[in-house]
C-alpha atoms as a PDB file:
ATOM      1  CA  MET A   1     -25.325 170.280 126.203  1.00  0.00           C
ATOM      2  CA  PRO A   2     -28.866 169.649 127.446  1.00  0.00           C
ATOM      3  CA  TRP A   3     -30.644 171.796 124.762  1.00  0.00           C
ATOM      4  CA  GLY A   4     -28.872 170.280 121.836  1.00  0.00           C
ATOM      5  CA  ILE A   5     -30.667 168.837 118.855  1.00  0.00           C
ATOM      6  CA  THR A   6     -29.566 165.446 117.632  1.00  0.00           C
ATOM      7  CA  PHE A   7     -29.923 164.344 114.066  1.00  0.00           C
ATOM      8  CA  HIS A   8     -30.622 160.696 113.118  1.00  0.00           C
ATOM      9  CA  ASP A   9     -31.711 160.915 109.445  1.00  0.00           C
ATOM     10  CA  THR A  10     -28.942 159.654 106.992  1.00  0.00           C
ATOM     11  CA  PHE A  11     -30.316 162.193 104.340  1.00  0.00           C
ATOM     12  CA  ALA A  12     -28.841 165.070 106.604  1.00  0.00           C
ATOM     13  CA  ALA A  13     -25.478 163.276 106.807  1.00  0.00           C
ATOM     14  CA  THR A  14     -25.107 162.585 103.195  1.00  0.00           C
ATOM     15  CA  ASN A  15     -26.424 165.867 101.714  1.00  0.00           C
ATOM     16  CA  VAL A  16     -25.034 168.344 104.210  1.00  0.00           C
ATOM     17  CA  GLY A  17     -22.611 166.514 106.162  1.00  0.00           C
ATOM     18  CA  THR A  18     -24.522 166.752 109.587  1.00  0.00           C
ATOM     19  CA  PRO A  19     -22.941 164.452 112.191  1.00  0.00           C
ATOM     20  CA  LEU A  20     -25.495 161.872 113.348  1.00  0.00           C
ATOM     21  CA  GLY A  21     -26.152 161.081 116.968  1.00  0.00           C
ATOM     22  CA  VAL A  22     -24.173 164.108 118.210  1.00  0.00           C
ATOM     23  CA  PRO A  23     -26.026 166.958 120.106  1.00  0.00           C
ATOM     24  CA  LEU A  24     -25.653 170.142 118.109  1.00  0.00           C
ATOM     25  CA  HIS A  25     -26.549 173.805 118.921  1.00  0.00           C
ATOM     26  CA  PRO A  26     -30.068 174.517 117.861  1.00  0.00           C
ATOM     27  CA  THR A  27     -29.068 177.439 115.513  1.00  0.00           C
ATOM     28  CA  GLN A  28     -32.456 177.498 114.011  1.00  0.00           C
ATOM     29  CA  ILE A  29     -33.933 178.520 117.405  1.00  0.00           C
ATOM     30  CA  TYR A  30     -31.067 181.078 117.775  1.00  0.00           C
ATOM     31  CA  GLU A  31     -31.894 182.589 114.467  1.00  0.00           C
ATOM     32  CA  ALA A  32     -35.630 182.792 115.165  1.00  0.00           C
ATOM     33  CA  GLY A  33     -34.826 184.445 118.437  1.00  0.00           C
ATOM     34  CA  ALA A  34     -32.675 186.970 116.794  1.00  0.00           C
ATOM     35  CA  GLU A  35     -35.295 187.715 114.182  1.00  0.00           C
ATOM     36  CA  LEU A  36     -37.873 188.241 116.882  1.00  0.00           C
ATOM     37  CA  ILE A  37     -35.649 190.743 118.599  1.00  0.00           C
ATOM     38  CA  ILE A  38     -34.983 192.587 115.297  1.00  0.00           C
ATOM     39  CA  LEU A  39     -38.682 192.678 114.762  1.00  0.00           C
ATOM     40  CA  ILE A  40     -39.442 194.178 118.204  1.00  0.00           C
ATOM     41  CA  VAL A  41     -36.759 196.786 117.581  1.00  0.00           C
ATOM     42  CA  LEU A  42     -38.223 197.677 114.269  1.00  0.00           C
ATOM     43  CA  LEU A  43     -41.775 197.884 115.586  1.00  0.00           C
ATOM     44  CA  VAL A  44     -40.815 200.083 118.490  1.00  0.00           C
ATOM     45  CA  THR A  45     -38.750 202.280 116.241  1.00  0.00           C
ATOM     46  CA  GLU A  46     -41.686 202.642 113.786  1.00  0.00           C
ATOM     47  CA  ARG A  47     -44.103 203.418 116.570  1.00  0.00           C
ATOM     48  CA  LYS A  48     -41.878 206.175 118.117  1.00  0.00           C
ATOM     49  CA  GLY A  49     -41.577 207.772 114.687  1.00  0.00           C
ATOM     50  CA  ARG A  50     -45.295 208.376 114.360  1.00  0.00           C
ATOM     51  CA  PRO A  51     -46.542 211.872 115.019  1.00  0.00           C
ATOM     52  CA  PHE A  52     -47.041 212.269 118.834  1.00  0.00           C
ATOM     53  CA  ALA A  53     -50.140 214.569 118.508  1.00  0.00           C
ATOM     54  CA  ALA A  54     -52.669 215.852 116.068  1.00  0.00           C
ATOM     55  CA  GLY A  55     -52.092 219.232 114.360  1.00  0.00           C
ATOM     56  CA  HIS A  56     -48.876 220.690 112.906  1.00  0.00           C
ATOM     57  CA  VAL A  57     -46.233 218.153 113.687  1.00  0.00           C
ATOM     58  CA  PHE A  58     -42.938 218.363 111.887  1.00  0.00           C
ATOM     59  CA  ARG A  59     -40.612 215.286 112.036  1.00  0.00           C
ATOM     60  CA  ALA A  60     -36.928 215.386 111.348  1.00  0.00           C
ATOM     61  CA  SER A  61     -35.761 213.212 108.604  1.00  0.00           C
ATOM     62  CA  ARG A  62     -34.364 209.853 109.602  1.00  0.00           C
ATOM     63  CA  MET A  63     -31.513 210.428 107.188  1.00  0.00           C
ATOM     64  CA  SER A  64     -30.196 213.226 109.433  1.00  0.00           C
ATOM     65  CA  ARG A  65     -27.585 212.841 112.186  1.00  0.00           C
ATOM     66  CA  GLY A  66     -29.214 212.013 115.559  1.00  0.00           C
ATOM     67  CA  ASN A  67     -32.564 211.078 114.002  1.00  0.00           C
ATOM     68  CA  ARG A  68     -32.009 207.796 112.375  1.00  0.00           C
ATOM     69  CA  LEU A  69     -33.870 205.563 114.954  1.00  0.00           C
ATOM     70  CA  LEU A  70     -35.990 207.929 116.951  1.00  0.00           C
ATOM     71  CA  PRO A  71     -36.622 211.127 115.023  1.00  0.00           C
ATOM     72  CA  VAL A  72     -37.238 214.359 116.880  1.00  0.00           C
ATOM     73  CA  GLN A  73     -40.675 216.109 116.371  1.00  0.00           C
ATOM     74  CA  VAL A  74     -41.910 219.652 116.880  1.00  0.00           C
ATOM     75  CA  LEU A  75     -45.622 220.416 117.465  1.00  0.00           C
ATOM     76  CA  ILE A  76     -46.745 224.041 116.811  1.00  0.00           C
ATOM     77  CA  THR A  77     -50.154 225.124 118.233  1.00  0.00           C
ATOM     78  CA  PRO A  78     -51.672 228.567 118.503  1.00  0.00           C
ATOM     79  CA  THR A  79     -50.492 228.687 122.131  1.00  0.00           C
ATOM     80  CA  SER A  80     -47.067 226.826 122.275  1.00  0.00           C
ATOM     81  CA  VAL A  81     -44.191 225.075 120.562  1.00  0.00           C
ATOM     82  CA  VAL A  82     -43.530 221.628 121.772  1.00  0.00           C
ATOM     83  CA  HIS A  83     -40.120 219.698 121.094  1.00  0.00           C
ATOM     84  CA  TYR A  84     -40.632 216.064 121.345  1.00  0.00           C
ATOM     85  CA  THR A  85     -37.841 213.622 121.727  1.00  0.00           C
ATOM     86  CA  PRO A  86     -38.763 210.009 121.848  1.00  0.00           C
ATOM     87  CA  GLN A  87     -36.466 207.639 123.773  1.00  0.00           C
ATOM     88  CA  TRP A  88     -36.366 203.773 124.039  1.00  0.00           C
ATOM     89  CA  VAL A  89     -38.202 204.147 127.329  1.00  0.00           C
ATOM     90  CA  GLY A  90     -40.259 207.340 127.751  1.00  0.00           C
ATOM     91  CA  LYS A  91     -39.905 210.699 126.106  1.00  0.00           C
ATOM     92  CA  LEU A  92     -38.637 214.213 126.489  1.00  0.00           C
ATOM     93  CA  GLU A  93     -40.859 217.188 125.909  1.00  0.00           C
ATOM     94  CA  HIS A  94     -39.842 220.758 125.983  1.00  0.00           C
ATOM     95  CA  SER A  95     -42.567 223.313 125.598  1.00  0.00           C
ATOM     96  CA  ILE A  96     -42.429 227.148 125.162  1.00  0.00           C
ATOM     97  CA  HIS A  97     -45.555 229.238 125.346  1.00  0.00           C
ATOM     98  CA  MET A  98     -46.017 231.325 122.144  1.00  0.00           C
ATOM     99  CA  ALA A  99     -45.605 234.673 124.244  1.00  0.00           C
ATOM    100  CA  HIS A 100     -42.144 233.491 125.296  1.00  0.00           C
ATOM    101  CA  VAL A 101     -40.775 232.802 121.727  1.00  0.00           C
ATOM    102  CA  ALA A 102     -38.353 235.484 121.035  1.00  0.00           C
ATOM    103  CA  SER A 103     -37.052 234.604 117.624  1.00  0.00           C
ATOM    104  CA  VAL A 104     -36.914 231.681 115.067  1.00  0.00           C
ATOM    105  CA  ARG A 105     -33.713 231.146 113.000  1.00  0.00           C
ATOM    106  CA  ILE A 106     -33.338 228.694 110.181  1.00  0.00           C
ATOM    107  CA  ASP A 107     -29.799 227.381 109.396  1.00  0.00           C
ATOM    108  CA  THR A 108     -30.097 225.696 105.958  1.00  0.00           C
ATOM    109  CA  ASN A 109     -27.270 223.090 105.267  1.00  0.00           C
ATOM    110  CA  MET A 110     -26.722 221.198 102.024  1.00  0.00           C
ATOM    111  CA  LEU A 111     -29.465 218.619 102.645  1.00  0.00           C
ATOM    112  CA  PHE A 112     -31.350 219.587 105.769  1.00  0.00           C
ATOM    113  CA  SER A 113     -32.277 222.623 107.754  1.00  0.00           C
ATOM    114  CA  ASP A 114     -31.797 223.345 111.563  1.00  0.00           C
ATOM    115  CA  VAL A 115     -34.388 225.419 113.318  1.00  0.00           C
ATOM    116  CA  PHE A 116     -33.513 227.377 116.374  1.00  0.00           C
ATOM    117  CA  ILE A 117     -36.377 228.799 118.530  1.00  0.00           C
ATOM    118  CA  GLU A 118     -35.039 231.221 121.113  1.00  0.00           C
ATOM    119  CA  THR A 119     -36.969 232.275 124.276  1.00  0.00           C
ATOM    120  CA  THR A 120     -37.402 235.651 125.750  1.00  0.00           C
ATOM    121  CA  GLY A 121     -35.760 234.506 128.820  1.00  0.00           C
ATOM    122  CA  GLY A 122     -32.736 233.395 126.852  1.00  0.00           C
ATOM    123  CA  VAL A 123     -32.674 229.963 128.552  1.00  0.00           C
ATOM    124  CA  ASN A 124     -33.098 226.569 127.001  1.00  0.00           C
ATOM    125  CA  PRO A 125     -33.709 227.357 123.283  1.00  0.00           C
ATOM    126  CA  ILE A 126     -35.281 224.676 121.138  1.00  0.00           C
ATOM    127  CA  ARG A 127     -32.935 223.338 118.491  1.00  0.00           C
ATOM    128  CA  CYS A 128     -34.435 221.044 115.889  1.00  0.00           C
ATOM    129  CA  ALA A 129     -31.975 219.464 113.430  1.00  0.00           C
ATOM    130  CA  GLY A 130     -32.619 217.566 110.345  1.00  0.00           C
ATOM    131  CA  HIS A 131     -35.796 219.117 108.867  1.00  0.00           C
ATOM    132  CA  ARG A 132     -36.482 219.608 105.259  1.00  0.00           C
ATOM    133  CA  LYS A 133     -36.149 223.272 104.171  1.00  0.00           C
ATOM    134  CA  LYS A 134     -39.970 223.417 103.259  1.00  0.00           C
ATOM    135  CA  ASP A 135     -40.796 222.189 106.699  1.00  0.00           C
ATOM    136  CA  ALA A 136     -38.350 224.646 108.461  1.00  0.00           C
ATOM    137  CA  VAL A 137     -39.825 227.524 106.505  1.00  0.00           C
ATOM    138  CA  ARG A 138     -43.333 226.355 107.372  1.00  0.00           C
ATOM    139  CA  MET A 139     -42.472 226.123 111.147  1.00  0.00           C
ATOM    140  CA  LYS A 140     -41.323 229.675 111.171  1.00  0.00           C
ATOM    141  CA  ALA A 141     -44.252 230.916 109.240  1.00  0.00           C
ATOM    142  CA  LEU A 142     -46.649 229.212 111.634  1.00  0.00           C
ATOM    143  CA  ILE A 143     -44.891 230.559 114.727  1.00  0.00           C
ATOM    144  CA  GLU A 144     -44.971 234.030 113.365  1.00  0.00           C
ATOM    145  CA  GLU A 145     -48.622 233.639 112.335  1.00  0.00           C
ATOM    146  CA  TYR A 146     -49.685 232.353 115.835  1.00  0.00           C
ATOM    147  CA  GLN A 147     -47.624 235.000 117.506  1.00  0.00           C
ATOM    148  CA  THR A 148     -49.337 237.715 115.540  1.00  0.00           C
ATOM    149  CA  GLY A 149     -52.750 236.285 116.454  1.00  0.00           C
ATOM    150  CA  TYR A 150     -51.799 236.004 120.070  1.00  0.00           C
ATOM    151  CA  TYR A 151     -50.726 239.548 120.366  1.00  0.00           C
ATOM    152  CA  ARG A 152     -53.702 240.911 118.420  1.00  0.00           C
ATOM    153  CA  GLN A 153     -55.987 238.959 120.678  1.00  0.00           C
ATOM    154  CA  SER A 154     -54.318 240.099 123.870  1.00  0.00           C
ATOM    155  CA  ASN A 155     -54.265 243.946 122.639  1.00  0.00           C
ATOM    156  CA  HIS A 156     -58.005 243.712 121.896  1.00  0.00           C
ATOM    157  CA  GLY A 157     -58.694 242.263 125.364  1.00  0.00           C
ATOM    158  CA  ALA A 158     -56.803 245.195 127.126  1.00  0.00           C
END
């Protein structure tokens, strides 16, 4: 093999049993390459798990199903709700304007809560799985607060 490493030191032969003068696979280089790949995967995973925007961002727990590597996030602003799903390459964003949010439902399980945000059109609701109960309750309260402010503002303008 052209990339093999040949050992000539008798110390390696007597202590570890390394054959001398025989080209061997460079397992040290293979291991270093594998560790580099693991490091890159960990760095990408950590980066994708950071909040994607400033404000009220709620991230699903990495301990919940479907969120272990790339956790789903929800941004709630006074004008919209954005469901952000990071991917290895790119991302998916689903946005609903606050005026089109019909209802918010929380399904609390043993460990985590699922949040369902329904639209007035009845199409493409946002489903967020794996949030802490406290975060789910806060998400619902924020949406209700922002909706109240939105409709009060639009009624005063009419």
